[in-house]
Amino acid sequence: MNIPSLVTVDVVRRGYGRRYSSLPVDTVDNDGLVIDFVSSVLRPEHYDLRVGDTVRWLQDGRYVQALVAHVHRNGTRLTAAFSNAELLPADFFPY
């Protein structure tokens, strides 16, 4: 049985601190993220993701960090485009 892994991100907001810890997403890469709400009671408007937020996620055992450059919400999907994606040092710890 092949169980898909859970993909999550952390979101940090300047002047606020950690906004989301381990927020589940459908996909994330250096270009952006997607959260699909087709089978959820939640909607894209329920998530407070903003331009300028810092997003961090694990990729191949290393943390990657990017800034949210654009957020788009529609009835069943939230997408965010990233800028300035960078691989963080191997000894980076997010807390």
N, C-alpha and C. Protein backbone atom coordinates (compact mmCIF):
# COMPACT_ATOMS: atom_id res chain seq x y z
N MET A 1 0.84 -1.18 0.00
CA MET A 1 0.00 0.00 0.00
C MET A 1 0.89 1.25 0.00
N ASN A 2 0.63 2.14 -0.92
CA ASN A 2 1.41 3.36 -1.06
C ASN A 2 0.64 4.52 -0.41
N ILE A 3 1.13 5.01 0.72
CA ILE A 3 0.48 6.11 1.44
C ILE A 3 1.20 7.40 1.07
N PRO A 4 0.46 8.38 0.53
CA PRO A 4 1.11 9.63 0.16
C PRO A 4 1.59 10.38 1.40
N SER A 5 2.71 11.08 1.27
CA SER A 5 3.23 11.85 2.40
C SER A 5 2.47 13.17 2.52
N LEU A 6 2.39 13.66 3.73
CA LEU A 6 1.73 14.93 4.00
C LEU A 6 2.71 16.06 3.73
N VAL A 7 2.33 16.98 2.89
CA VAL A 7 3.17 18.13 2.56
C VAL A 7 2.67 19.32 3.36
N THR A 8 3.57 19.94 4.13
CA THR A 8 3.18 21.08 4.96
C THR A 8 4.17 22.23 4.79
N VAL A 9 3.72 23.42 5.15
CA VAL A 9 4.57 24.61 5.15
C VAL A 9 4.36 25.36 6.47
N ASP A 10 5.34 26.16 6.83
CA ASP A 10 5.21 27.11 7.93
C ASP A 10 5.15 28.50 7.32
N VAL A 11 4.33 29.36 7.90
CA VAL A 11 4.19 30.72 7.39
C VAL A 11 4.51 31.69 8.52
N VAL A 12 5.44 32.61 8.24
CA VAL A 12 5.86 33.61 9.21
C VAL A 12 5.55 34.99 8.64
N ARG A 13 4.97 35.85 9.47
CA ARG A 13 4.63 37.20 9.03
C ARG A 13 5.46 38.22 9.80
N ARG A 14 6.11 39.10 9.06
CA ARG A 14 6.92 40.15 9.70
C ARG A 14 6.04 40.99 10.62
N GLY A 15 6.53 41.24 11.82
CA GLY A 15 5.78 42.02 12.80
C GLY A 15 4.71 41.24 13.53
N TYR A 16 4.52 39.99 13.18
CA TYR A 16 3.49 39.15 13.79
C TYR A 16 4.10 37.89 14.38
N GLY A 17 4.98 37.26 13.63
CA GLY A 17 5.57 35.99 14.05
C GLY A 17 5.00 34.84 13.23
N ARG A 18 5.01 33.67 13.83
CA ARG A 18 4.54 32.48 13.12
C ARG A 18 3.03 32.57 12.93
N ARG A 19 2.59 32.54 11.68
CA ARG A 19 1.17 32.62 11.35
C ARG A 19 0.57 31.22 11.26
N TYR A 20 1.26 30.30 10.61
CA TYR A 20 0.81 28.91 10.49
C TYR A 20 2.00 27.98 10.72
N SER A 21 1.76 26.92 11.44
CA SER A 21 2.74 25.85 11.61
C SER A 21 2.18 24.60 10.97
N SER A 22 2.97 23.98 10.12
CA SER A 22 2.57 22.72 9.47
C SER A 22 1.22 22.83 8.75
N LEU A 23 1.05 23.89 7.99
CA LEU A 23 -0.16 24.08 7.19
C LEU A 23 -0.14 23.09 6.03
N PRO A 24 -1.12 22.20 5.94
CA PRO A 24 -1.12 21.23 4.84
C PRO A 24 -1.40 21.91 3.49
N VAL A 25 -0.62 21.54 2.49
CA VAL A 25 -0.79 22.06 1.14
C VAL A 25 -0.80 20.88 0.18
N ASP A 26 -1.36 21.09 -0.99
CA ASP A 26 -1.37 20.03 -2.00
C ASP A 26 -0.03 19.95 -2.72
N THR A 27 0.52 21.11 -3.08
CA THR A 27 1.83 21.14 -3.71
C THR A 27 2.58 22.39 -3.26
N VAL A 28 3.89 22.27 -3.22
CA VAL A 28 4.76 23.42 -2.95
C VAL A 28 6.09 23.18 -3.65
N ASP A 29 6.61 24.23 -4.27
CA ASP A 29 7.94 24.20 -4.88
C ASP A 29 8.48 25.62 -4.87
N ASN A 30 9.61 25.84 -5.51
CA ASN A 30 10.24 27.17 -5.48
C ASN A 30 9.40 28.25 -6.15
N ASP A 31 8.42 27.85 -6.96
CA ASP A 31 7.57 28.83 -7.66
C ASP A 31 6.32 29.21 -6.89
N GLY A 32 5.84 28.32 -6.00
CA GLY A 32 4.62 28.64 -5.26
C GLY A 32 3.98 27.43 -4.63
N LEU A 33 2.77 27.64 -4.14
CA LEU A 33 2.01 26.55 -3.51
C LEU A 33 0.59 26.55 -3.99
N VAL A 34 -0.08 25.41 -3.80
CA VAL A 34 -1.49 25.25 -4.15
C VAL A 34 -2.18 24.49 -3.02
N ILE A 35 -3.35 24.99 -2.62
CA ILE A 35 -4.22 24.27 -1.69
C ILE A 35 -5.56 24.11 -2.40
N ASP A 36 -6.00 22.87 -2.54
CA ASP A 36 -7.25 22.55 -3.23
C ASP A 36 -8.33 22.28 -2.19
N PHE A 37 -9.47 22.93 -2.31
CA PHE A 37 -10.55 22.83 -1.33
C PHE A 37 -11.77 22.08 -1.85
N VAL A 38 -11.63 21.31 -2.91
CA VAL A 38 -12.76 20.63 -3.54
C VAL A 38 -13.54 19.78 -2.55
N SER A 39 -12.87 19.00 -1.73
CA SER A 39 -13.58 18.11 -0.79
C SER A 39 -13.47 18.59 0.65
N SER A 40 -13.40 19.90 0.86
CA SER A 40 -13.24 20.46 2.19
C SER A 40 -14.40 21.39 2.53
N VAL A 41 -14.69 21.50 3.81
CA VAL A 41 -15.70 22.47 4.25
C VAL A 41 -15.10 23.86 4.32
N LEU A 42 -13.77 23.95 4.38
CA LEU A 42 -13.09 25.24 4.39
C LEU A 42 -13.01 25.79 2.97
N ARG A 43 -12.79 27.07 2.87
CA ARG A 43 -12.65 27.74 1.58
C ARG A 43 -11.39 28.60 1.59
N PRO A 44 -10.90 28.99 0.43
CA PRO A 44 -9.67 29.79 0.36
C PRO A 44 -9.70 31.06 1.20
N GLU A 45 -10.87 31.64 1.38
CA GLU A 45 -10.99 32.88 2.15
C GLU A 45 -10.72 32.66 3.64
N HIS A 46 -10.77 31.41 4.10
CA HIS A 46 -10.54 31.12 5.52
C HIS A 46 -9.06 31.15 5.89
N TYR A 47 -8.18 31.20 4.91
CA TYR A 47 -6.74 31.19 5.16
C TYR A 47 -6.16 32.59 4.96
N ASP A 48 -5.44 33.06 5.96
CA ASP A 48 -4.86 34.39 5.95
C ASP A 48 -3.42 34.33 5.46
N LEU A 49 -3.26 34.19 4.17
CA LEU A 49 -1.95 34.18 3.53
C LEU A 49 -1.83 35.48 2.75
N ARG A 50 -0.74 36.23 2.97
CA ARG A 50 -0.61 37.56 2.37
C ARG A 50 0.72 37.74 1.64
N VAL A 51 0.72 38.68 0.72
CA VAL A 51 1.96 39.08 0.04
C VAL A 51 2.94 39.55 1.12
N GLY A 52 4.18 39.10 1.02
CA GLY A 52 5.20 39.47 1.98
C GLY A 52 5.43 38.43 3.06
N ASP A 53 4.51 37.48 3.23
CA ASP A 53 4.71 36.41 4.21
C ASP A 53 5.89 35.56 3.77
N THR A 54 6.61 35.01 4.75
CA THR A 54 7.70 34.08 4.49
C THR A 54 7.17 32.67 4.65
N VAL A 55 7.44 31.83 3.67
CA VAL A 55 6.99 30.43 3.70
C VAL A 55 8.22 29.54 3.73
N ARG A 56 8.21 28.55 4.65
CA ARG A 56 9.32 27.60 4.74
C ARG A 56 8.76 26.19 4.65
N TRP A 57 9.51 25.31 3.97
CA TRP A 57 9.11 23.92 3.86
C TRP A 57 10.35 23.05 3.70
N LEU A 58 10.17 21.77 3.98
CA LEU A 58 11.26 20.81 3.81
C LEU A 58 11.26 20.25 2.40
N GLN A 59 12.43 20.22 1.81
CA GLN A 59 12.58 19.67 0.46
C GLN A 59 13.87 18.85 0.46
N ASP A 60 13.74 17.56 0.30
CA ASP A 60 14.89 16.66 0.30
C ASP A 60 15.73 16.80 1.57
N GLY A 61 15.06 16.94 2.71
CA GLY A 61 15.75 17.01 4.00
C GLY A 61 16.33 18.35 4.36
N ARG A 62 16.15 19.37 3.53
CA ARG A 62 16.66 20.72 3.80
C ARG A 62 15.50 21.71 3.73
N TYR A 63 15.59 22.77 4.54
CA TYR A 63 14.56 23.80 4.51
C TYR A 63 14.79 24.76 3.35
N VAL A 64 13.69 25.13 2.73
CA VAL A 64 13.67 26.14 1.68
C VAL A 64 12.78 27.27 2.18
N GLN A 65 13.13 28.48 1.84
CA GLN A 65 12.36 29.65 2.26
C GLN A 65 12.08 30.53 1.05
N ALA A 66 10.88 31.10 1.02
CA ALA A 66 10.52 32.01 -0.08
C ALA A 66 9.55 33.06 0.45
N LEU A 67 9.43 34.14 -0.29
CA LEU A 67 8.46 35.19 0.04
C LEU A 67 7.23 35.05 -0.86
N VAL A 68 6.07 35.30 -0.29
CA VAL A 68 4.84 35.28 -1.08
C VAL A 68 4.79 36.56 -1.90
N ALA A 69 4.73 36.42 -3.21
CA ALA A 69 4.70 37.56 -4.13
C ALA A 69 3.29 37.86 -4.62
N HIS A 70 2.43 36.83 -4.64
CA HIS A 70 1.07 37.00 -5.15
C HIS A 70 0.19 35.90 -4.57
N VAL A 71 -1.04 36.24 -4.20
CA VAL A 71 -2.00 35.26 -3.71
C VAL A 71 -3.26 35.37 -4.55
N HIS A 72 -3.77 34.22 -4.99
CA HIS A 72 -5.01 34.17 -5.78
C HIS A 72 -5.96 33.16 -5.15
N ARG A 73 -7.19 33.59 -4.92
CA ARG A 73 -8.22 32.71 -4.36
C ARG A 73 -9.38 32.63 -5.34
N ASN A 74 -9.90 31.41 -5.51
CA ASN A 74 -11.17 31.27 -6.22
C ASN A 74 -12.02 30.32 -5.41
N GLY A 75 -13.12 29.88 -5.92
CA GLY A 75 -14.06 29.07 -5.14
C GLY A 75 -13.50 27.81 -4.53
N THR A 76 -12.54 27.17 -5.19
CA THR A 76 -12.05 25.88 -4.69
C THR A 76 -10.53 25.80 -4.59
N ARG A 77 -9.81 26.89 -4.79
CA ARG A 77 -8.36 26.79 -4.82
C ARG A 77 -7.71 28.08 -4.33
N LEU A 78 -6.63 27.90 -3.58
CA LEU A 78 -5.78 29.01 -3.19
C LEU A 78 -4.41 28.74 -3.79
N THR A 79 -3.89 29.70 -4.52
CA THR A 79 -2.54 29.58 -5.07
C THR A 79 -1.74 30.80 -4.62
N ALA A 80 -0.46 30.55 -4.38
CA ALA A 80 0.44 31.64 -4.01
C ALA A 80 1.70 31.49 -4.86
N ALA A 81 2.12 32.59 -5.45
CA ALA A 81 3.37 32.61 -6.22
C ALA A 81 4.47 33.12 -5.29
N PHE A 82 5.67 32.54 -5.43
CA PHE A 82 6.79 32.89 -4.58
C PHE A 82 7.83 33.70 -5.34
N SER A 83 8.62 34.45 -4.58
CA SER A 83 9.82 35.09 -5.10
C SER A 83 10.95 34.82 -4.12
N ASN A 84 12.17 34.99 -4.57
CA ASN A 84 13.36 34.87 -3.73
C ASN A 84 13.46 33.55 -2.99
N ALA A 85 13.12 32.44 -3.62
CA ALA A 85 13.26 31.13 -2.98
C ALA A 85 14.75 30.83 -2.79
N GLU A 86 15.09 30.34 -1.59
CA GLU A 86 16.48 30.03 -1.29
C GLU A 86 16.56 28.82 -0.38
N LEU A 87 17.58 28.02 -0.59
CA LEU A 87 17.87 26.89 0.25
C LEU A 87 18.56 27.41 1.50
N LEU A 88 18.04 27.06 2.67
CA LEU A 88 18.62 27.54 3.92
C LEU A 88 19.80 26.66 4.33
N PRO A 89 20.67 27.17 5.21
CA PRO A 89 21.83 26.38 5.63
C PRO A 89 21.42 25.03 6.21
N ALA A 90 22.28 24.04 6.07
CA ALA A 90 21.97 22.68 6.53
C ALA A 90 21.67 22.64 8.01
N ASP A 91 22.24 23.54 8.82
CA ASP A 91 22.00 23.52 10.26
C ASP A 91 20.82 24.41 10.69
N PHE A 92 20.06 24.95 9.72
CA PHE A 92 18.91 25.79 10.07
C PHE A 92 17.88 24.96 10.82
N PHE A 93 17.36 25.55 11.90
CA PHE A 93 16.28 24.92 12.66
C PHE A 93 15.18 25.96 12.81
N PRO A 94 13.94 25.65 12.48
CA PRO A 94 12.88 26.67 12.36
C PRO A 94 12.33 27.22 13.66
N TYR A 95 12.83 26.83 14.81
CA TYR A 95 12.24 27.35 16.06
C TYR A 95 13.19 28.18 16.85
